[in-house]
Protein backbone atom coordinates (compact mmCIF):
# COMPACT_ATOMS: atom_id res chain seq x y z
CA MET A 1 176.96 15.44 112.29
CA THR A 2 178.78 18.45 113.65
CA THR A 3 178.21 19.63 117.21
CA GLY A 4 180.15 22.93 116.84
CA ASP A 5 179.13 25.75 114.68
CA ASP A 6 175.46 26.73 114.76
CA HIS A 7 175.40 27.84 111.17
CA ALA A 8 176.73 24.53 109.97
CA LEU A 9 174.36 22.63 112.30
CA ALA A 10 171.27 24.52 110.99
CA ARG A 11 172.31 23.66 107.45
CA GLU A 12 173.03 20.00 108.19
CA LEU A 13 169.83 19.52 110.11
CA ALA A 14 167.63 21.15 107.48
CA ARG A 15 169.31 19.15 104.67
CA ALA A 16 169.14 15.86 106.56
CA ALA A 17 165.45 16.38 107.32
CA GLY A 18 164.83 17.18 103.66
CA GLU A 19 166.54 13.98 102.51
CA LYS A 20 164.29 12.01 104.86
CA LEU A 21 161.26 13.72 103.38
CA LEU A 22 162.38 13.01 99.87
CA ALA A 23 162.79 9.35 100.73
CA LEU A 24 159.36 9.28 102.36
CA ARG A 25 157.79 10.85 99.27
CA GLN A 26 159.41 8.19 97.02
CA ARG A 27 158.49 5.32 99.27
CA GLU A 28 154.89 6.22 99.95
CA GLY A 29 153.86 7.83 96.65
CA PHE A 30 150.98 10.29 96.26
CA ASP A 31 147.83 8.16 96.31
CA ASP A 32 146.92 9.35 99.84
CA PRO A 33 148.02 13.01 100.13
CA SER A 34 146.53 13.50 103.61
CA ALA A 35 148.42 10.50 105.04
CA LEU A 36 151.59 11.67 103.29
CA ARG A 37 151.29 15.15 104.76
CA LYS A 38 150.82 13.78 108.23
CA GLU A 39 153.60 11.35 107.97
CA GLY A 40 155.97 13.96 106.56
CA ASP A 41 155.20 16.41 109.33
CA ALA A 42 155.65 13.89 112.04
CA ALA A 43 158.86 12.26 110.67
CA ALA A 44 160.68 15.56 110.12
CA HIS A 45 159.60 16.96 113.53
CA LEU A 46 160.80 13.81 115.33
CA PHE A 47 164.12 13.88 113.53
CA LEU A 48 164.74 17.59 114.34
CA MET A 49 163.66 17.32 117.95
CA GLU A 50 165.83 14.29 118.59
CA ALA A 51 168.81 15.86 116.94
CA LEU A 52 168.54 19.18 118.74
CA THR A 53 167.93 17.42 122.11
CA ARG A 54 171.14 15.44 121.54
CA LEU A 55 173.31 18.15 120.07
CA ARG A 56 172.00 21.21 121.83
CA PRO A 57 170.58 19.92 125.03
CA GLY A 58 170.59 23.24 126.84
CA ASP A 59 168.55 25.02 124.16
CA SER A 60 164.83 25.46 123.81
CA VAL A 61 162.91 24.64 120.67
CA LEU A 62 159.79 26.14 119.09
CA SER A 63 158.41 23.90 116.43
CA GLU A 64 155.28 24.13 114.28
CA GLU A 65 154.53 20.48 115.19
CA ALA A 66 154.97 20.98 118.97
CA THR A 67 152.00 20.50 121.30
CA SER A 68 150.17 23.52 122.72
CA GLU A 69 151.80 22.73 126.04
CA GLU A 70 155.29 22.70 124.56
CA ARG A 71 154.76 26.01 122.77
CA LEU A 72 153.49 27.62 125.96
CA ASP A 73 156.39 26.32 128.08
CA PRO A 74 157.59 29.47 129.95
CA ARG A 75 161.14 28.24 129.91
CA ARG A 76 161.31 29.09 126.18
CA LEU A 77 160.59 32.75 126.92
CA ARG A 78 163.45 32.90 129.56
CA ALA A 79 165.87 31.00 127.32
CA GLU A 80 168.82 32.77 125.71
CA ARG A 81 168.88 30.32 122.79
CA VAL A 82 165.78 29.04 120.99
CA TRP A 83 165.66 26.95 117.78
CA ILE A 84 162.64 27.91 115.72
CA VAL A 85 161.80 25.13 113.25
CA ASP A 86 159.29 24.30 110.64
CA PRO A 87 159.82 20.58 109.93
CA LEU A 88 157.85 20.73 106.65
CA ASP A 89 156.92 24.12 105.27
CA GLY A 90 154.43 23.66 102.47
CA THR A 91 152.73 20.31 103.31
CA ARG A 92 150.28 20.88 100.52
CA GLU A 93 153.00 21.10 97.91
CA PHE A 94 154.98 18.21 99.47
CA ALA A 95 152.04 15.83 98.90
CA GLU A 96 151.56 16.97 95.24
CA GLU A 97 153.61 14.97 92.76
CA GLY A 98 156.08 17.01 90.81
CA ARG A 99 155.90 20.13 93.07
CA LYS A 100 159.27 21.44 94.30
CA ASP A 101 158.16 24.53 96.24
CA TRP A 102 158.30 23.11 99.83
CA ALA A 103 160.99 23.40 102.45
CA VAL A 104 162.50 22.60 105.86
CA HIS A 105 163.28 25.54 108.17
CA VAL A 106 165.82 25.49 110.98
CA ALA A 107 166.67 28.87 112.71
CA LEU A 108 168.42 29.92 115.91
CA TRP A 109 167.26 32.88 117.92
CA GLU A 110 169.62 34.22 120.57
CA ARG A 111 168.76 37.05 122.98
CA GLY A 112 166.51 38.84 120.60
CA THR A 113 168.25 38.18 117.30
CA LEU A 114 168.17 35.49 114.59
CA THR A 115 171.77 34.43 114.47
CA ALA A 116 171.73 31.31 112.27
CA GLY A 117 169.35 29.64 109.93
CA ALA A 118 168.93 27.35 106.94
CA VAL A 119 166.22 26.61 104.41
CA ALA A 120 166.43 23.30 102.71
CA LEU A 121 164.58 22.98 99.35
CA PRO A 122 164.95 19.28 98.99
CA ALA A 123 163.10 18.79 95.64
CA GLN A 124 165.22 21.58 94.20
CA GLY A 125 168.42 20.06 95.39
CA ARG A 126 169.66 23.07 97.34
CA THR A 127 169.94 24.50 100.81
CA LEU A 128 170.30 28.26 101.55
CA SER A 129 171.94 29.08 104.84
CA THR A 130 173.70 31.67 106.97
CA LEU A 131 176.84 29.49 106.78
CA GLU A 132 177.43 30.70 103.19
CA PRO A 133 174.73 33.28 102.49
CA PRO A 134 173.69 33.51 98.83
CA VAL A 135 174.79 36.62 96.82
CA LEU A 136 171.75 38.77 96.17
CA PRO A 137 170.94 39.37 92.54
CA GLU A 138 170.90 42.95 91.20
CA LEU A 139 167.58 44.74 90.89
CA ARG A 140 166.53 44.79 87.26
CA PRO A 141 166.08 48.55 86.56
CA GLU A 142 163.97 48.30 83.33
CA ALA A 143 161.90 45.18 84.21
CA ARG A 144 158.63 44.99 86.08
CA PRO A 145 159.23 43.68 89.59
CA ARG A 146 157.87 40.22 90.46
CA ILE A 147 156.17 39.59 93.78
CA ALA A 148 155.78 36.08 95.15
CA VAL A 149 152.41 35.31 96.59
CA SER A 150 150.52 32.34 97.89
CA ARG A 151 149.30 30.03 95.14
CA THR A 152 146.10 29.26 97.13
CA ARG A 153 145.18 32.35 99.15
CA PRO A 154 147.00 35.54 97.92
CA PRO A 155 145.97 38.59 100.00
CA GLU A 156 143.74 40.88 98.05
CA PHE A 157 145.73 43.96 98.98
CA VAL A 158 148.90 42.48 97.28
CA GLN A 159 147.12 42.57 93.90
CA LYS A 160 146.26 46.20 94.53
CA LEU A 161 149.94 46.80 95.52
CA ALA A 162 151.13 45.17 92.35
CA ASP A 163 148.83 47.39 90.23
CA LEU A 164 150.11 50.42 92.12
CA VAL A 165 153.83 49.68 91.61
CA ASN A 166 153.47 48.05 88.18
CA ALA A 167 154.55 44.57 89.38
CA ASP A 168 153.62 41.06 88.40
CA LEU A 169 152.42 38.32 90.91
CA VAL A 170 154.18 34.96 90.96
CA PRO A 171 152.33 32.19 92.75
CA ILE A 172 154.75 29.98 94.84
CA GLY A 173 153.98 27.38 97.43
CA SER A 174 155.62 27.53 100.89
CA ALA A 175 156.89 30.66 102.60
CA GLY A 176 160.35 29.34 102.64
CA ALA A 177 160.30 28.74 98.87
CA LYS A 178 158.88 32.27 98.33
CA ILE A 179 161.57 34.03 100.33
CA SER A 180 164.27 31.78 98.78
CA ALA A 181 163.01 32.86 95.36
CA VAL A 182 163.77 36.46 96.34
CA LEU A 183 167.32 35.50 97.35
CA THR A 184 168.01 33.47 94.15
CA GLY A 185 166.56 35.99 91.68
CA GLU A 186 163.37 34.32 90.66
CA VAL A 187 161.37 37.22 92.14
CA GLU A 188 162.20 40.56 93.61
CA ALA A 189 159.89 40.46 96.63
CA TYR A 190 157.49 38.53 98.79
CA VAL A 191 154.57 40.27 100.51
CA HIS A 192 152.12 38.47 102.79
CA ALA A 193 149.42 39.69 105.21
CA GLY A 194 147.16 36.69 105.49
CA GLY A 195 148.42 35.40 108.81
CA GLN A 196 151.57 33.36 109.70
CA TYR A 197 153.60 32.14 112.56
CA GLU A 198 157.25 32.57 113.57
CA TRP A 199 158.29 29.18 112.27
CA ASP A 200 156.98 30.13 108.82
CA SER A 201 159.63 32.81 108.38
CA ALA A 202 162.32 32.62 110.98
CA ALA A 203 164.81 30.48 109.01
CA PRO A 204 164.39 32.21 105.63
CA VAL A 205 164.48 35.63 107.32
CA ALA A 206 167.74 34.75 109.00
CA VAL A 207 169.23 33.86 105.56
CA ALA A 208 167.75 36.96 103.99
CA LEU A 209 169.19 39.29 106.55
CA ALA A 210 172.56 37.50 106.37
CA CYS A 211 172.84 38.30 102.63
CA GLY A 212 171.55 41.89 102.95
CA ALA A 213 167.94 41.62 101.79
CA HIS A 214 165.19 43.72 103.32
CA ALA A 215 162.95 41.88 105.78
CA SER A 216 160.27 43.53 107.96
CA ARG A 217 156.64 43.68 108.85
CA ILE A 218 154.56 45.32 106.05
CA ASP A 219 154.59 48.58 108.08
CA GLY A 220 158.36 48.57 108.03
CA SER A 221 158.71 47.61 111.72
CA PRO A 222 161.14 44.81 112.68
CA LEU A 223 160.17 41.10 112.66
CA VAL A 224 160.28 39.94 116.33
CA TYR A 225 160.69 36.32 117.26
CA ASN A 226 160.38 34.06 120.34
CA GLN A 227 157.24 35.71 121.60
CA GLY A 228 154.64 34.20 123.93
CA ASP A 229 152.19 34.35 121.09
CA PRO A 230 154.07 33.00 118.04
CA SER A 231 151.72 34.56 115.45
CA LEU A 232 153.50 36.89 113.01
CA PRO A 233 150.73 37.87 110.62
CA ASP A 234 152.46 39.79 107.92
CA ILE A 235 155.87 40.11 106.26
CA LEU A 236 157.83 41.86 103.50
CA VAL A 237 161.01 40.44 102.10
CA SER A 238 162.57 42.06 99.11
CA LEU A 239 165.76 43.21 97.37
CA PRO A 240 166.85 46.23 99.28
CA GLY A 241 166.50 48.62 96.33
CA LEU A 242 162.77 47.76 95.96
CA ALA A 243 161.82 48.00 99.64
CA PRO A 244 161.18 51.80 99.83
CA THR A 245 158.80 51.58 96.84
CA LEU A 246 156.86 48.67 98.31
CA LEU A 247 156.61 50.21 101.76
CA ALA A 248 155.37 53.47 100.29
CA GLY A 249 152.80 51.63 98.21
CA ILE A 250 151.57 49.66 101.24
CA ARG A 251 151.27 52.87 103.25
CA ASP A 252 149.20 54.48 100.46
CA LEU A 253 146.84 51.47 100.35
CA HIS A 254 146.28 51.53 104.07
CA ARG A 255 145.50 55.24 104.43
């Protein structure tokens, strides 16, 4: 595994963790979803932590599966380089046979900016990364826009937004799968305001920004990472041509 380029490392780590998760899925089966979810989270976290400790020993790491003490470590807030990882984004989907909308996230934050990232979609056989950012699809001028939403808990206001801008809602599992769907042309936007954390979006946002997509809070303000409180409750990712319409619609709904 490379120890040089951060973009390549993010992609290799996300892809390798995804391969381990696929093997675990095949080996354990789906008879006990709870156990499969726990084992998947733990195995991917251990792999990523060991790899980053070995390959980037001077960097800090913020992982969804870290302990509270590890997340609150003040050294992370003083660090110039922090890896923000979600070892298994979409544990519910991972433990459901046949579902492909789960992911592995690996991102690098440096001095206030996301500089590298990768989203592995193991069951889809692809990894999107800042090493070779995907080419954004064109906005379809005559078609109704499609907005990715949670398949289990879509925010009520997103339905109102869809009605306002004449859009269709498309339920998709993990946050990484939703943002990736924007970048690959399956939907035109992802809007969420039901509560998230930095690791839910850092890697896919790094890739989205690298390929020229719009990514912000739902009020249009920047997404800020490596904070003491890692909660990041809302997000908008879309094709750039659609962002002004969505932001205006959100402002109208919140007046």
